[in-house]
Amino acid sequence: MGKTAYRQKAEAKIQEQQARIAEARAKAKGGVADARISAEKQIDELEAKLEIAKKKLAEIGDAAEGAWEDISKSLDDAWDDISSGLKKVMNRFS
């Protein structure tokens, strides 16, 4: 996959993760106080990780052709981490 295609895919993932985080926050608001507080803290952490992922995506745009692949690997790890965290939060309210 080329740099441009990867970047487009990553932008779509960012939008998807933002939507999933918003859904998780909405579910957390309806939860019991203790669970809600814990979930909101986790969601805040996920949002911070998503912001880091956005910065890495911007770095890909500026990176040389060979260097962007290294950045993409760390971005892929960030996706896995965010997805895993979202699953944990969503399972709490399922």
N, C-alpha and C. Protein backbone atom coordinates (compact mmCIF):
# COMPACT_ATOMS: atom_id res chain seq x y z
N MET A 1 0.86 -1.17 0.00
CA MET A 1 0.00 0.00 0.00
C MET A 1 0.89 1.23 0.00
N GLY A 2 0.56 2.17 -0.82
CA GLY A 2 1.35 3.39 -0.91
C GLY A 2 1.01 4.37 0.19
N LYS A 3 1.80 5.39 0.28
CA LYS A 3 1.65 6.42 1.30
C LYS A 3 0.29 7.10 1.23
N THR A 4 -0.15 7.47 0.05
CA THR A 4 -1.43 8.15 -0.10
C THR A 4 -2.59 7.25 0.29
N ALA A 5 -2.57 6.02 -0.15
CA ALA A 5 -3.64 5.07 0.19
C ALA A 5 -3.66 4.80 1.69
N TYR A 6 -2.48 4.65 2.28
CA TYR A 6 -2.42 4.41 3.72
C TYR A 6 -2.99 5.62 4.47
N ARG A 7 -2.63 6.79 4.01
CA ARG A 7 -3.09 8.01 4.67
C ARG A 7 -4.61 8.11 4.61
N GLN A 8 -5.21 7.80 3.46
CA GLN A 8 -6.66 7.83 3.33
C GLN A 8 -7.31 6.80 4.25
N LYS A 9 -6.73 5.62 4.32
CA LYS A 9 -7.25 4.58 5.20
C LYS A 9 -7.16 5.02 6.66
N ALA A 10 -6.05 5.63 7.03
CA ALA A 10 -5.86 6.09 8.40
C ALA A 10 -6.85 7.20 8.75
N GLU A 11 -7.10 8.10 7.83
CA GLU A 11 -8.08 9.18 8.07
C GLU A 11 -9.47 8.59 8.30
N ALA A 12 -9.82 7.56 7.55
CA ALA A 12 -11.11 6.90 7.74
C ALA A 12 -11.17 6.22 9.11
N LYS A 13 -10.05 5.63 9.53
CA LYS A 13 -10.01 4.98 10.85
C LYS A 13 -10.17 6.01 11.95
N ILE A 14 -9.57 7.18 11.78
CA ILE A 14 -9.71 8.23 12.79
C ILE A 14 -11.18 8.61 12.93
N GLN A 15 -11.85 8.80 11.82
CA GLN A 15 -13.27 9.16 11.88
C GLN A 15 -14.09 8.05 12.54
N GLU A 16 -13.77 6.81 12.20
CA GLU A 16 -14.47 5.67 12.80
C GLU A 16 -14.24 5.62 14.31
N GLN A 17 -12.99 5.80 14.73
CA GLN A 17 -12.67 5.74 16.15
C GLN A 17 -13.33 6.90 16.89
N GLN A 18 -13.38 8.08 16.28
CA GLN A 18 -14.05 9.21 16.92
C GLN A 18 -15.53 8.89 17.15
N ALA A 19 -16.16 8.27 16.18
CA ALA A 19 -17.56 7.90 16.32
C ALA A 19 -17.75 6.85 17.42
N ARG A 20 -16.84 5.88 17.46
CA ARG A 20 -16.93 4.84 18.49
C ARG A 20 -16.69 5.41 19.89
N ILE A 21 -15.79 6.36 20.00
CA ILE A 21 -15.54 7.01 21.29
C ILE A 21 -16.77 7.80 21.72
N ALA A 22 -17.40 8.49 20.80
CA ALA A 22 -18.63 9.24 21.12
C ALA A 22 -19.72 8.28 21.58
N GLU A 23 -19.83 7.14 20.92
CA GLU A 23 -20.82 6.13 21.33
C GLU A 23 -20.51 5.60 22.73
N ALA A 24 -19.25 5.33 22.99
CA ALA A 24 -18.85 4.84 24.31
C ALA A 24 -19.16 5.88 25.39
N ARG A 25 -18.89 7.15 25.09
CA ARG A 25 -19.17 8.21 26.06
C ARG A 25 -20.67 8.30 26.34
N ALA A 26 -21.48 8.15 25.30
CA ALA A 26 -22.93 8.19 25.48
C ALA A 26 -23.41 7.03 26.35
N LYS A 27 -22.85 5.84 26.11
CA LYS A 27 -23.23 4.68 26.93
C LYS A 27 -22.78 4.86 28.36
N ALA A 28 -21.61 5.44 28.54
CA ALA A 28 -21.08 5.63 29.89
C ALA A 28 -21.96 6.59 30.70
N LYS A 29 -22.52 7.59 30.03
CA LYS A 29 -23.38 8.56 30.73
C LYS A 29 -24.61 7.89 31.32
N GLY A 30 -25.05 6.79 30.73
CA GLY A 30 -26.22 6.10 31.23
C GLY A 30 -25.89 5.05 32.28
N GLY A 31 -24.62 4.87 32.60
CA GLY A 31 -24.21 3.83 33.53
C GLY A 31 -24.30 4.25 34.99
N VAL A 32 -24.05 3.29 35.85
CA VAL A 32 -24.01 3.53 37.29
C VAL A 32 -22.81 4.43 37.58
N ALA A 33 -22.91 5.23 38.63
CA ALA A 33 -21.91 6.26 38.91
C ALA A 33 -20.47 5.75 38.89
N ASP A 34 -20.17 4.69 39.63
CA ASP A 34 -18.80 4.19 39.69
C ASP A 34 -18.31 3.72 38.32
N ALA A 35 -19.15 2.98 37.63
CA ALA A 35 -18.78 2.48 36.31
C ALA A 35 -18.64 3.64 35.33
N ARG A 36 -19.52 4.62 35.46
CA ARG A 36 -19.48 5.78 34.57
C ARG A 36 -18.18 6.56 34.75
N ILE A 37 -17.79 6.80 35.97
CA ILE A 37 -16.57 7.56 36.26
C ILE A 37 -15.35 6.82 35.71
N SER A 38 -15.29 5.53 35.94
CA SER A 38 -14.18 4.73 35.45
C SER A 38 -14.15 4.73 33.92
N ALA A 39 -15.30 4.55 33.31
CA ALA A 39 -15.39 4.51 31.84
C ALA A 39 -15.01 5.86 31.25
N GLU A 40 -15.46 6.93 31.86
CA GLU A 40 -15.15 8.26 31.33
C GLU A 40 -13.65 8.53 31.40
N LYS A 41 -13.00 8.04 32.45
CA LYS A 41 -11.55 8.19 32.55
C LYS A 41 -10.87 7.42 31.41
N GLN A 42 -11.32 6.20 31.17
CA GLN A 42 -10.76 5.40 30.08
C GLN A 42 -11.01 6.06 28.72
N ILE A 43 -12.18 6.62 28.55
CA ILE A 43 -12.53 7.28 27.29
C ILE A 43 -11.65 8.51 27.09
N ASP A 44 -11.41 9.26 28.15
CA ASP A 44 -10.51 10.42 28.05
C ASP A 44 -9.11 9.97 27.61
N GLU A 45 -8.65 8.85 28.15
CA GLU A 45 -7.34 8.32 27.76
C GLU A 45 -7.34 7.89 26.29
N LEU A 46 -8.44 7.29 25.84
CA LEU A 46 -8.55 6.89 24.44
C LEU A 46 -8.56 8.10 23.52
N GLU A 47 -9.23 9.15 23.94
CA GLU A 47 -9.24 10.37 23.13
C GLU A 47 -7.83 10.96 23.02
N ALA A 48 -7.08 10.90 24.12
CA ALA A 48 -5.69 11.39 24.08
C ALA A 48 -4.86 10.55 23.12
N LYS A 49 -5.06 9.24 23.14
CA LYS A 49 -4.33 8.35 22.22
C LYS A 49 -4.73 8.64 20.78
N LEU A 50 -5.99 8.95 20.55
CA LEU A 50 -6.45 9.27 19.21
C LEU A 50 -5.80 10.57 18.72
N GLU A 51 -5.63 11.53 19.61
CA GLU A 51 -4.96 12.78 19.23
C GLU A 51 -3.51 12.50 18.84
N ILE A 52 -2.86 11.60 19.56
CA ILE A 52 -1.49 11.22 19.21
C ILE A 52 -1.47 10.56 17.83
N ALA A 53 -2.46 9.72 17.58
CA ALA A 53 -2.55 9.05 16.27
C ALA A 53 -2.73 10.09 15.16
N LYS A 54 -3.52 11.12 15.41
CA LYS A 54 -3.71 12.17 14.42
C LYS A 54 -2.38 12.87 14.12
N LYS A 55 -1.58 13.10 15.15
CA LYS A 55 -0.28 13.74 14.95
C LYS A 55 0.64 12.84 14.14
N LYS A 56 0.60 11.54 14.41
CA LYS A 56 1.42 10.60 13.64
C LYS A 56 0.97 10.60 12.18
N LEU A 57 -0.32 10.69 11.96
CA LEU A 57 -0.83 10.75 10.59
C LEU A 57 -0.30 11.99 9.88
N ALA A 58 -0.27 13.11 10.58
CA ALA A 58 0.27 14.33 9.98
C ALA A 58 1.75 14.15 9.66
N GLU A 59 2.48 13.42 10.51
CA GLU A 59 3.89 13.16 10.25
C GLU A 59 4.08 12.34 8.97
N ILE A 60 3.15 11.43 8.71
CA ILE A 60 3.23 10.61 7.50
C ILE A 60 3.17 11.50 6.27
N GLY A 61 2.33 12.52 6.32
CA GLY A 61 2.21 13.42 5.19
C GLY A 61 3.51 14.16 4.90
N ASP A 62 4.28 14.44 5.93
CA ASP A 62 5.53 15.17 5.78
C ASP A 62 6.74 14.27 5.59
N ALA A 63 6.56 12.98 5.85
CA ALA A 63 7.71 12.06 5.84
C ALA A 63 8.15 11.72 4.42
N ALA A 64 9.43 11.42 4.33
CA ALA A 64 9.98 10.95 3.05
C ALA A 64 9.39 9.59 2.73
N GLU A 65 9.48 9.19 1.50
CA GLU A 65 8.85 7.95 1.04
C GLU A 65 9.25 6.74 1.87
N GLY A 66 10.52 6.61 2.23
CA GLY A 66 10.96 5.45 3.00
C GLY A 66 10.61 5.54 4.48
N ALA A 67 10.57 6.75 5.02
CA ALA A 67 10.36 6.94 6.46
C ALA A 67 8.91 6.77 6.88
N TRP A 68 7.97 6.99 6.00
CA TRP A 68 6.57 6.95 6.40
C TRP A 68 6.16 5.56 6.86
N GLU A 69 6.81 4.53 6.36
CA GLU A 69 6.44 3.17 6.74
C GLU A 69 6.75 2.90 8.21
N ASP A 70 7.82 3.49 8.74
CA ASP A 70 8.13 3.35 10.16
C ASP A 70 7.06 4.02 11.01
N ILE A 71 6.64 5.20 10.57
CA ILE A 71 5.59 5.91 11.29
C ILE A 71 4.28 5.13 11.22
N SER A 72 4.00 4.53 10.08
CA SER A 72 2.75 3.79 9.92
C SER A 72 2.68 2.59 10.87
N LYS A 73 3.82 1.99 11.15
CA LYS A 73 3.84 0.86 12.09
C LYS A 73 3.41 1.31 13.48
N SER A 74 3.91 2.46 13.93
CA SER A 74 3.51 2.94 15.25
C SER A 74 2.04 3.38 15.24
N LEU A 75 1.57 3.87 14.11
CA LEU A 75 0.17 4.24 13.98
C LEU A 75 -0.72 3.00 14.02
N ASP A 76 -0.30 1.93 13.37
CA ASP A 76 -1.05 0.67 13.43
C ASP A 76 -1.14 0.14 14.86
N ASP A 77 -0.05 0.27 15.61
CA ASP A 77 -0.06 -0.14 17.02
C ASP A 77 -1.04 0.72 17.81
N ALA A 78 -1.09 2.01 17.50
CA ALA A 78 -2.04 2.91 18.18
C ALA A 78 -3.47 2.49 17.90
N TRP A 79 -3.77 2.10 16.64
CA TRP A 79 -5.14 1.65 16.30
C TRP A 79 -5.52 0.44 17.14
N ASP A 80 -4.59 -0.51 17.24
CA ASP A 80 -4.86 -1.72 18.01
C ASP A 80 -5.14 -1.38 19.47
N ASP A 81 -4.35 -0.47 20.02
CA ASP A 81 -4.51 -0.06 21.41
C ASP A 81 -5.86 0.64 21.63
N ILE A 82 -6.21 1.54 20.73
CA ILE A 82 -7.48 2.26 20.84
C ILE A 82 -8.65 1.30 20.68
N SER A 83 -8.58 0.43 19.69
CA SER A 83 -9.67 -0.54 19.47
C SER A 83 -9.87 -1.45 20.67
N SER A 84 -8.77 -1.92 21.23
CA SER A 84 -8.84 -2.78 22.40
C SER A 84 -9.48 -2.04 23.58
N GLY A 85 -9.07 -0.82 23.79
CA GLY A 85 -9.63 -0.01 24.88
C GLY A 85 -11.11 0.25 24.69
N LEU A 86 -11.51 0.54 23.46
CA LEU A 86 -12.92 0.77 23.19
C LEU A 86 -13.75 -0.48 23.43
N LYS A 87 -13.22 -1.63 23.05
CA LYS A 87 -13.95 -2.88 23.29
C LYS A 87 -14.18 -3.08 24.78
N LYS A 88 -13.16 -2.80 25.58
CA LYS A 88 -13.30 -2.96 27.04
C LYS A 88 -14.37 -2.04 27.59
N VAL A 89 -14.37 -0.79 27.14
CA VAL A 89 -15.37 0.16 27.62
C VAL A 89 -16.75 -0.26 27.18
N MET A 90 -16.91 -0.63 25.91
CA MET A 90 -18.22 -0.99 25.40
C MET A 90 -18.75 -2.27 26.05
N ASN A 91 -17.87 -3.21 26.32
CA ASN A 91 -18.31 -4.45 26.98
C ASN A 91 -18.83 -4.19 28.39
N ARG A 92 -18.33 -3.17 28.99
CA ARG A 92 -18.76 -2.81 30.35
C ARG A 92 -20.24 -2.44 30.37
N PHE A 93 -20.74 -1.92 29.25
CA PHE A 93 -22.11 -1.44 29.22
C PHE A 93 -23.01 -2.28 28.30
N SER A 94 -22.53 -3.42 27.87
CA SER A 94 -23.33 -4.29 27.00
C SER A 94 -24.18 -5.24 27.81
